[in-house]
Amino acid sequence: MELVGLLESLSALTCSGSFLIWMSIGTLSRTDKSEEIAQKVMTILCFVAAISLFGLYFAGGNLFDSPNFARVLAVVCIAVGISAGMNIKGEDVQGESNPHDLMKMRRESEEQE
């Protein structure tokens, strides 16, 4: 039972750490270097969380009284860890203008007239 307790604590710590980084990524990405560090730390935390959650599942532990929840959460952690490494800063992801761009274009066209 000691292993299950250790895996529960490790998975809770790493999941909450990656969640906190995800919540504050806007603040952490003020410079390119800090954004890169935050992305790497978040990726590492997500993969450690996934490993500990798979370990918890195979050790017979359960989360929220569900033995399968650890395995599902581990797959989510892998997906978030992979996506955390993507650098999309400054790129148009949606393919359409946002309200700020529209306002800027409108101001420029009014100035030219």
C-alpha atoms as a PDB file:
ATOM      1  CA  MET A   1       0.000   0.000   0.000  1.00  0.00           C
ATOM      2  CA  GLU A   2       2.983   2.335   0.382  1.00  0.00           C
ATOM      3  CA  LEU A   3       3.565   2.309  -3.386  1.00  0.00           C
ATOM      4  CA  VAL A   4      -0.049   3.250  -4.100  1.00  0.00           C
ATOM      5  CA  GLY A   5       0.127   6.167  -1.665  1.00  0.00           C
ATOM      6  CA  LEU A   6       3.381   7.379  -3.191  1.00  0.00           C
ATOM      7  CA  LEU A   7       1.951   7.162  -6.717  1.00  0.00           C
ATOM      8  CA  GLU A   8      -1.211   9.005  -5.644  1.00  0.00           C
ATOM      9  CA  SER A   9       0.847  11.803  -4.110  1.00  0.00           C
ATOM     10  CA  LEU A  10       3.196  12.025  -7.092  1.00  0.00           C
ATOM     11  CA  SER A  11       0.358  12.107  -9.613  1.00  0.00           C
ATOM     12  CA  ALA A  12      -1.555  14.736  -7.627  1.00  0.00           C
ATOM     13  CA  LEU A  13       1.556  16.906  -7.299  1.00  0.00           C
ATOM     14  CA  THR A  14       2.544  16.707 -10.962  1.00  0.00           C
ATOM     15  CA  CYS A  15      -1.015  17.165 -12.267  1.00  0.00           C
ATOM     16  CA  SER A  16      -1.580  20.210 -10.074  1.00  0.00           C
ATOM     17  CA  GLY A  17       1.809  21.645 -11.040  1.00  0.00           C
ATOM     18  CA  SER A  18       1.105  21.337 -14.753  1.00  0.00           C
ATOM     19  CA  PHE A  19      -2.371  22.782 -14.207  1.00  0.00           C
ATOM     20  CA  LEU A  20      -0.912  25.826 -12.424  1.00  0.00           C
ATOM     21  CA  ILE A  21       1.550  26.393 -15.254  1.00  0.00           C
ATOM     22  CA  TRP A  22      -1.252  26.042 -17.792  1.00  0.00           C
ATOM     23  CA  MET A  23      -3.345  28.596 -15.905  1.00  0.00           C
ATOM     24  CA  SER A  24      -0.491  31.111 -15.753  1.00  0.00           C
ATOM     25  CA  ILE A  25       1.030  30.565 -19.196  1.00  0.00           C
ATOM     26  CA  GLY A  26       0.020  34.079 -20.261  1.00  0.00           C
ATOM     27  CA  THR A  27       2.136  35.570 -17.498  1.00  0.00           C
ATOM     28  CA  LEU A  28       4.971  33.111 -17.996  1.00  0.00           C
ATOM     29  CA  SER A  29       5.225  33.769 -21.739  1.00  0.00           C
ATOM     30  CA  ARG A  30       6.136  37.447 -21.548  1.00  0.00           C
ATOM     31  CA  THR A  31       9.550  36.634 -22.974  1.00  0.00           C
ATOM     32  CA  ASP A  32      10.512  33.890 -25.385  1.00  0.00           C
ATOM     33  CA  LYS A  33      12.949  32.337 -22.904  1.00  0.00           C
ATOM     34  CA  SER A  34      10.433  32.147 -20.043  1.00  0.00           C
ATOM     35  CA  GLU A  35       7.806  30.723 -22.384  1.00  0.00           C
ATOM     36  CA  GLU A  36      10.212  28.032 -23.531  1.00  0.00           C
ATOM     37  CA  ILE A  37      11.084  27.129 -19.939  1.00  0.00           C
ATOM     38  CA  ALA A  38       7.396  27.017 -18.921  1.00  0.00           C
ATOM     39  CA  GLN A  39       6.570  24.781 -21.875  1.00  0.00           C
ATOM     40  CA  LYS A  40       9.400  22.370 -21.085  1.00  0.00           C
ATOM     41  CA  VAL A  41       8.510  22.202 -17.379  1.00  0.00           C
ATOM     42  CA  MET A  42       4.852  21.629 -18.221  1.00  0.00           C
ATOM     43  CA  THR A  43       5.740  18.884 -20.709  1.00  0.00           C
ATOM     44  CA  ILE A  44       7.956  17.127 -18.163  1.00  0.00           C
ATOM     45  CA  LEU A  45       5.303  17.418 -15.435  1.00  0.00           C
ATOM     46  CA  CYS A  46       2.614  16.032 -17.746  1.00  0.00           C
ATOM     47  CA  PHE A  47       4.708  13.018 -18.746  1.00  0.00           C
ATOM     48  CA  VAL A  48       5.712  12.306 -15.138  1.00  0.00           C
ATOM     49  CA  ALA A  49       2.038  12.571 -14.194  1.00  0.00           C
ATOM     50  CA  ALA A  50       1.101  10.150 -16.972  1.00  0.00           C
ATOM     51  CA  ILE A  51       3.738   7.650 -15.857  1.00  0.00           C
ATOM     52  CA  SER A  52       2.647   7.885 -12.222  1.00  0.00           C
ATOM     53  CA  LEU A  53      -1.028   7.556 -13.196  1.00  0.00           C
ATOM     54  CA  PHE A  54      -0.346   4.453 -15.289  1.00  0.00           C
ATOM     55  CA  GLY A  55       1.681   3.121 -12.357  1.00  0.00           C
ATOM     56  CA  LEU A  56      -1.212   3.861 -10.021  1.00  0.00           C
ATOM     57  CA  TYR A  57      -3.602   2.020 -12.321  1.00  0.00           C
ATOM     58  CA  PHE A  58      -1.384  -1.054 -12.576  1.00  0.00           C
ATOM     59  CA  ALA A  59      -0.666  -1.026  -8.814  1.00  0.00           C
ATOM     60  CA  GLY A  60      -4.378  -1.337  -8.124  1.00  0.00           C
ATOM     61  CA  GLY A  61      -5.018   2.196  -6.915  1.00  0.00           C
ATOM     62  CA  ASN A  62      -8.002   4.292  -7.859  1.00  0.00           C
ATOM     63  CA  LEU A  63      -8.934   7.939  -8.146  1.00  0.00           C
ATOM     64  CA  PHE A  64     -12.342   9.208  -7.055  1.00  0.00           C
ATOM     65  CA  ASP A  65     -13.432   5.606  -6.388  1.00  0.00           C
ATOM     66  CA  SER A  66     -12.886   4.661 -10.040  1.00  0.00           C
ATOM     67  CA  PRO A  67     -10.089   2.251 -10.958  1.00  0.00           C
ATOM     68  CA  ASN A  68     -10.155   3.310 -14.632  1.00  0.00           C
ATOM     69  CA  PHE A  69     -10.022   7.081 -14.059  1.00  0.00           C
ATOM     70  CA  ALA A  70      -6.244   7.031 -13.542  1.00  0.00           C
ATOM     71  CA  ARG A  71      -5.707   5.452 -16.950  1.00  0.00           C
ATOM     72  CA  VAL A  72      -7.987   7.959 -18.707  1.00  0.00           C
ATOM     73  CA  LEU A  73      -6.324  10.880 -16.934  1.00  0.00           C
ATOM     74  CA  ALA A  74      -2.908   9.520 -17.941  1.00  0.00           C
ATOM     75  CA  VAL A  75      -3.908   9.619 -21.612  1.00  0.00           C
ATOM     76  CA  VAL A  76      -5.142  13.202 -21.165  1.00  0.00           C
ATOM     77  CA  CYS A  77      -1.807  14.098 -19.544  1.00  0.00           C
ATOM     78  CA  ILE A  78       0.050  12.678 -22.542  1.00  0.00           C
ATOM     79  CA  ALA A  79      -2.083  14.739 -24.941  1.00  0.00           C
ATOM     80  CA  VAL A  80      -1.552  17.912 -22.892  1.00  0.00           C
ATOM     81  CA  GLY A  81       2.179  17.173 -22.624  1.00  0.00           C
ATOM     82  CA  ILE A  82       2.506  16.848 -26.382  1.00  0.00           C
ATOM     83  CA  SER A  83       0.501  19.992 -27.029  1.00  0.00           C
ATOM     84  CA  ALA A  84       2.473  21.939 -24.400  1.00  0.00           C
ATOM     85  CA  GLY A  85       5.539  21.721 -26.617  1.00  0.00           C
ATOM     86  CA  MET A  86       3.875  23.488 -29.522  1.00  0.00           C
ATOM     87  CA  ASN A  87       4.943  27.074 -29.916  1.00  0.00           C
ATOM     88  CA  ILE A  88       2.109  29.044 -31.503  1.00  0.00           C
ATOM     89  CA  LYS A  89       3.075  32.494 -30.248  1.00  0.00           C
ATOM     90  CA  GLY A  90       2.396  35.129 -32.852  1.00  0.00           C
ATOM     91  CA  GLU A  91       0.813  32.770 -35.360  1.00  0.00           C
ATOM     92  CA  ASP A  92      -2.756  33.045 -36.607  1.00  0.00           C
ATOM     93  CA  VAL A  93      -4.274  29.787 -35.441  1.00  0.00           C
ATOM     94  CA  GLN A  94      -7.933  30.423 -36.238  1.00  0.00           C
ATOM     95  CA  GLY A  95      -7.396  31.759 -39.747  1.00  0.00           C
ATOM     96  CA  GLU A  96      -9.747  34.697 -39.258  1.00  0.00           C
ATOM     97  CA  SER A  97      -9.383  38.200 -37.912  1.00  0.00           C
ATOM     98  CA  ASN A  98     -10.019  38.876 -34.272  1.00  0.00           C
ATOM     99  CA  PRO A  99     -11.762  42.072 -33.038  1.00  0.00           C
ATOM    100  CA  HIS A 100      -8.438  43.776 -32.321  1.00  0.00           C
ATOM    101  CA  ASP A 101      -7.218  43.243 -35.884  1.00  0.00           C
ATOM    102  CA  LEU A 102     -10.510  44.489 -37.306  1.00  0.00           C
ATOM    103  CA  MET A 103     -10.373  47.634 -35.186  1.00  0.00           C
ATOM    104  CA  LYS A 104      -6.764  48.260 -36.222  1.00  0.00           C
ATOM    105  CA  MET A 105      -7.587  47.807 -39.931  1.00  0.00           C
ATOM    106  CA  ARG A 106     -10.585  50.142 -39.611  1.00  0.00           C
ATOM    107  CA  ARG A 107      -8.435  52.820 -37.944  1.00  0.00           C
ATOM    108  CA  GLU A 108      -5.774  52.531 -40.645  1.00  0.00           C
ATOM    109  CA  SER A 109      -8.325  52.825 -43.447  1.00  0.00           C
ATOM    110  CA  GLU A 110      -9.870  55.914 -41.809  1.00  0.00           C
ATOM    111  CA  GLU A 111      -6.432  57.515 -41.474  1.00  0.00           C
ATOM    112  CA  GLN A 112      -5.667  56.934 -45.155  1.00  0.00           C
ATOM    113  CA  GLU A 113      -8.859  58.670 -46.271  1.00  0.00           C
END
